[in-house]
Protein backbone atom coordinates (compact mmCIF):
# COMPACT_ATOMS: atom_id res chain seq x y z
CA UNK A 1 133.70 89.05 125.67
CA UNK A 2 134.07 85.29 126.04
CA UNK A 3 135.06 85.29 129.72
CA UNK A 4 133.00 88.10 131.24
CA UNK A 5 129.37 88.76 132.11
CA UNK A 6 127.71 90.81 129.37
CA UNK A 7 124.52 92.83 128.81
CA UNK A 8 123.17 92.90 125.24
CA UNK A 9 120.55 95.53 124.44
CA UNK A 10 118.79 97.02 121.44
CA UNK A 11 115.37 97.54 119.92
CA UNK A 12 113.33 94.75 118.35
CA UNK A 13 114.53 93.94 114.83
CA UNK A 14 117.96 95.48 115.36
CA UNK A 15 119.91 92.22 115.33
CA UNK A 16 120.11 91.39 119.02
CA UNK A 17 119.02 87.78 118.57
CA UNK A 18 121.41 87.36 115.65
CA UNK A 19 124.32 88.45 117.85
CA UNK A 20 123.19 86.08 120.61
CA UNK A 21 123.12 83.19 118.11
CA UNK A 22 126.66 84.11 117.10
CA UNK A 23 127.78 84.19 120.74
CA UNK A 24 126.11 80.81 121.32
CA UNK A 25 127.75 79.21 118.28
CA UNK A 26 131.27 80.51 118.91
CA UNK A 27 131.58 80.02 122.66
CA UNK A 28 134.46 77.61 123.50
CA UNK A 29 132.57 75.47 126.00
CA UNK A 30 129.01 74.67 127.05
CA UNK A 31 126.48 77.36 126.10
CA UNK A 32 122.93 77.16 127.46
CA UNK A 33 120.19 79.38 126.02
CA UNK A 34 117.31 79.81 128.49
CA UNK A 35 114.54 80.00 125.90
CA UNK A 36 111.40 81.48 127.44
CA UNK A 37 108.14 80.47 125.75
CA UNK A 38 104.86 82.07 126.80
CA UNK A 39 101.57 80.20 127.23
CA UNK A 40 100.85 80.32 123.49
CA UNK A 41 104.31 79.04 122.65
CA UNK A 42 105.15 81.99 120.43
CA UNK A 43 107.96 83.77 122.25
CA UNK A 44 110.72 81.18 122.16
CA UNK A 45 113.66 81.42 119.76
CA UNK A 46 114.23 78.85 117.02
CA UNK A 47 117.79 77.60 117.51
CA UNK A 48 118.49 75.05 114.81
CA UNK A 49 122.10 74.46 115.81
CA UNK A 50 121.38 73.49 119.43
CA UNK A 51 120.02 70.39 121.16
CA UNK A 52 116.58 71.17 122.59
CA UNK A 53 116.01 70.19 126.23
CA UNK A 54 113.11 70.84 128.58
CA UNK A 55 114.32 69.59 131.95
CA UNK A 56 117.43 69.37 134.08
CA UNK A 57 117.50 65.62 133.42
CA UNK A 58 117.54 66.12 129.65
CA UNK A 59 120.22 68.79 129.98
CA UNK A 60 122.46 66.50 132.05
CA UNK A 61 121.92 63.58 129.67
CA UNK A 62 122.79 65.57 126.54
CA UNK A 63 126.35 65.42 125.21
CA UNK A 64 125.79 68.58 123.13
CA UNK A 65 127.69 71.75 123.97
CA UNK A 66 124.89 73.96 122.62
CA UNK A 67 121.62 73.64 124.53
CA UNK A 68 118.29 75.29 123.73
CA UNK A 69 116.50 74.97 127.09
CA UNK A 70 112.82 75.63 126.33
CA UNK A 71 110.83 76.73 129.37
CA UNK A 72 107.75 78.56 130.58
CA UNK A 73 109.45 79.20 133.95
CA UNK A 74 112.65 81.10 133.13
CA UNK A 75 113.69 81.85 136.71
CA UNK A 76 113.56 78.21 137.80
CA UNK A 77 115.29 77.13 134.59
CA UNK A 78 118.03 79.70 135.21
CA UNK A 79 118.53 78.08 138.62
CA UNK A 80 118.80 74.62 137.03
CA UNK A 81 121.01 75.87 134.20
CA UNK A 82 123.38 77.31 136.79
CA UNK A 83 123.66 73.88 138.42
CA UNK A 84 124.28 72.13 135.08
CA UNK A 85 126.90 74.74 134.17
CA UNK A 86 128.74 74.19 137.46
CA UNK A 87 128.69 70.42 136.95
CA UNK A 88 130.02 70.73 133.40
CA UNK A 89 132.86 73.03 134.45
CA UNK A 90 133.83 70.77 137.36
CA UNK A 91 133.84 67.70 135.09
CA UNK A 92 135.67 69.19 132.11
CA UNK A 93 137.44 72.37 133.20
CA UNK A 94 135.89 74.18 130.22
CA UNK A 95 133.96 77.44 130.61
CA UNK A 96 130.19 77.72 130.47
CA UNK A 97 127.83 80.40 129.21
CA UNK A 98 124.17 80.98 130.10
CA UNK A 99 122.23 83.23 127.72
CA UNK A 100 118.98 84.73 128.97
CA UNK A 101 116.95 86.68 126.43
CA UNK A 102 114.15 88.93 127.72
CA UNK A 103 116.19 89.10 130.93
CA UNK A 104 113.71 91.47 132.58
CA UNK A 105 111.65 88.32 133.26
CA UNK A 106 114.30 87.01 135.65
CA UNK A 107 115.98 90.19 136.90
CA UNK A 108 113.19 92.81 137.08
CA UNK A 109 114.08 96.22 138.39
CA UNK A 110 113.39 96.49 142.14
CA UNK A 111 111.97 92.97 142.46
CA UNK A 112 115.03 90.73 142.82
CA UNK A 113 115.10 88.33 145.78
CA UNK A 114 118.41 87.60 147.58
CA UNK A 115 118.52 84.01 146.29
CA UNK A 116 117.74 84.95 142.68
CA UNK A 117 119.86 82.53 140.59
CA UNK A 118 120.78 85.10 137.95
CA UNK A 119 121.89 87.56 140.61
CA UNK A 120 124.02 84.78 142.12
CA UNK A 121 125.51 83.94 138.72
CA UNK A 122 126.59 87.54 138.32
CA UNK A 123 127.99 87.94 141.82
CA UNK A 124 129.49 84.50 142.48
CA UNK A 125 130.18 82.43 139.40
CA UNK A 126 133.01 83.90 137.34
CA UNK A 127 135.51 81.92 139.42
CA UNK A 128 133.47 78.81 138.53
CA UNK A 129 133.93 79.43 134.82
CA UNK A 130 130.38 80.69 134.24
CA UNK A 131 129.60 83.68 132.05
CA UNK A 132 126.10 85.17 132.03
CA UNK A 133 124.72 87.00 128.99
CA UNK A 134 121.60 89.07 129.67
CA UNK A 135 119.63 90.45 126.73
CA UNK A 136 116.81 92.98 126.85
CA UNK A 137 115.29 95.70 124.70
CA UNK A 138 115.50 98.23 127.54
CA UNK A 139 118.30 97.89 130.13
CA UNK A 140 116.43 100.20 132.51
CA UNK A 141 114.01 97.28 133.06
CA UNK A 142 116.82 95.30 134.75
CA UNK A 143 117.76 95.54 138.41
CA UNK A 144 120.89 97.67 138.39
CA UNK A 145 122.82 96.33 141.40
CA UNK A 146 123.52 92.84 139.98
CA UNK A 147 124.13 94.00 136.41
CA UNK A 148 126.93 96.22 137.68
CA UNK A 149 128.85 92.92 137.69
CA UNK A 150 128.73 92.88 133.87
CA UNK A 151 132.04 93.96 132.37
CA UNK A 152 130.66 94.58 128.88
CA UNK A 153 127.54 96.29 127.54
CA UNK A 154 126.72 95.62 123.88
CA UNK A 155 124.34 97.85 121.92
CA UNK A 156 122.89 96.27 118.76
CA UNK A 157 121.08 98.26 116.08
CA UNK A 158 119.63 101.75 116.23
CA UNK A 159 118.42 103.25 119.49
CA UNK A 160 114.73 103.97 120.03
CA UNK A 161 112.92 106.83 121.77
CA UNK A 162 112.25 104.71 124.87
CA UNK A 163 116.04 104.38 125.36
CA UNK A 164 116.43 108.13 125.78
CA UNK A 165 116.30 108.16 129.60
CA UNK A 166 118.91 105.40 129.84
CA UNK A 167 121.22 107.16 127.40
CA UNK A 168 120.95 110.45 129.27
CA UNK A 169 121.51 108.78 132.66
CA UNK A 170 124.79 107.23 131.49
CA UNK A 171 125.75 110.23 129.33
CA UNK A 172 126.12 108.02 126.26
CA UNK A 173 126.55 110.15 123.11
CA UNK A 174 124.12 109.12 120.36
CA UNK A 175 127.02 109.35 117.92
CA UNK A 176 128.63 106.37 119.68
CA UNK A 177 125.66 104.10 118.93
CA UNK A 178 125.03 101.99 115.81
CA UNK A 179 123.15 103.64 112.97
CA UNK A 180 121.98 100.48 111.15
CA UNK A 181 120.44 97.13 112.12
CA UNK A 182 122.97 94.36 112.84
CA UNK A 183 125.72 96.80 113.69
CA UNK A 184 126.88 96.63 117.30
CA UNK A 185 129.09 98.57 119.68
CA UNK A 186 130.82 97.12 122.77
CA UNK A 187 131.16 99.42 125.79
CA UNK A 188 133.02 98.94 129.05
CA UNK A 189 131.33 99.64 132.40
CA UNK A 190 132.21 103.33 132.11
CA UNK A 191 130.52 103.38 128.71
CA UNK A 192 133.73 103.87 126.76
CA UNK A 193 133.62 102.38 123.26
CA UNK A 194 135.85 99.30 122.98
CA UNK A 195 134.83 97.73 119.68
CA UNK A 196 132.52 98.15 116.67
CA UNK A 197 131.40 95.38 114.33
CA UNK A 198 128.47 93.78 112.52
CA UNK A 199 126.79 90.49 113.28
CA UNK A 200 127.51 87.67 110.87
CA UNK A 201 124.83 87.11 108.24
CA UNK A 202 125.03 83.34 108.74
CA UNK A 203 123.38 83.69 112.17
CA UNK A 204 120.44 85.84 111.02
């Protein structure tokens, strides 16, 4: 999954964040986590292995290849992260990855503007070495047209009742899905199973 846009989904507590940490740690280039924090500062992820930045200036000045970009404006930060990713790839030739948890905040179903930076990442940036990873509890909350650009869909942990409509729409057999937390299944765009595994305990 290292070179292709990816959707990661699963219920709360199923291991989704653990898998994202693993993807962040093992990516062979610059990986930027757009870390959305609400007004009370309680929604952001604690990423001990990454350099924390809060502005495009700090991101450009950092020599770390793992960035935890803390923000209360995820859409604008996604725009800036896209710019930093392009600059890094042009300067080094190495690939870049932008991880956006709670992706429904930046790619809401039916509300995506033409210049949305995440939409543009998905449609335009693979040839610029940029891979987008979008994570959400419920993929039906995401605008479908841009996420069709994602080559892989990853399901982490057990499915929940609110996933039922999505599973029926894509004719995904429940037997194909994980049965325990921290298990995950990788699907292609046609929802064929490609791989099964468990997240690594070290990233929990």
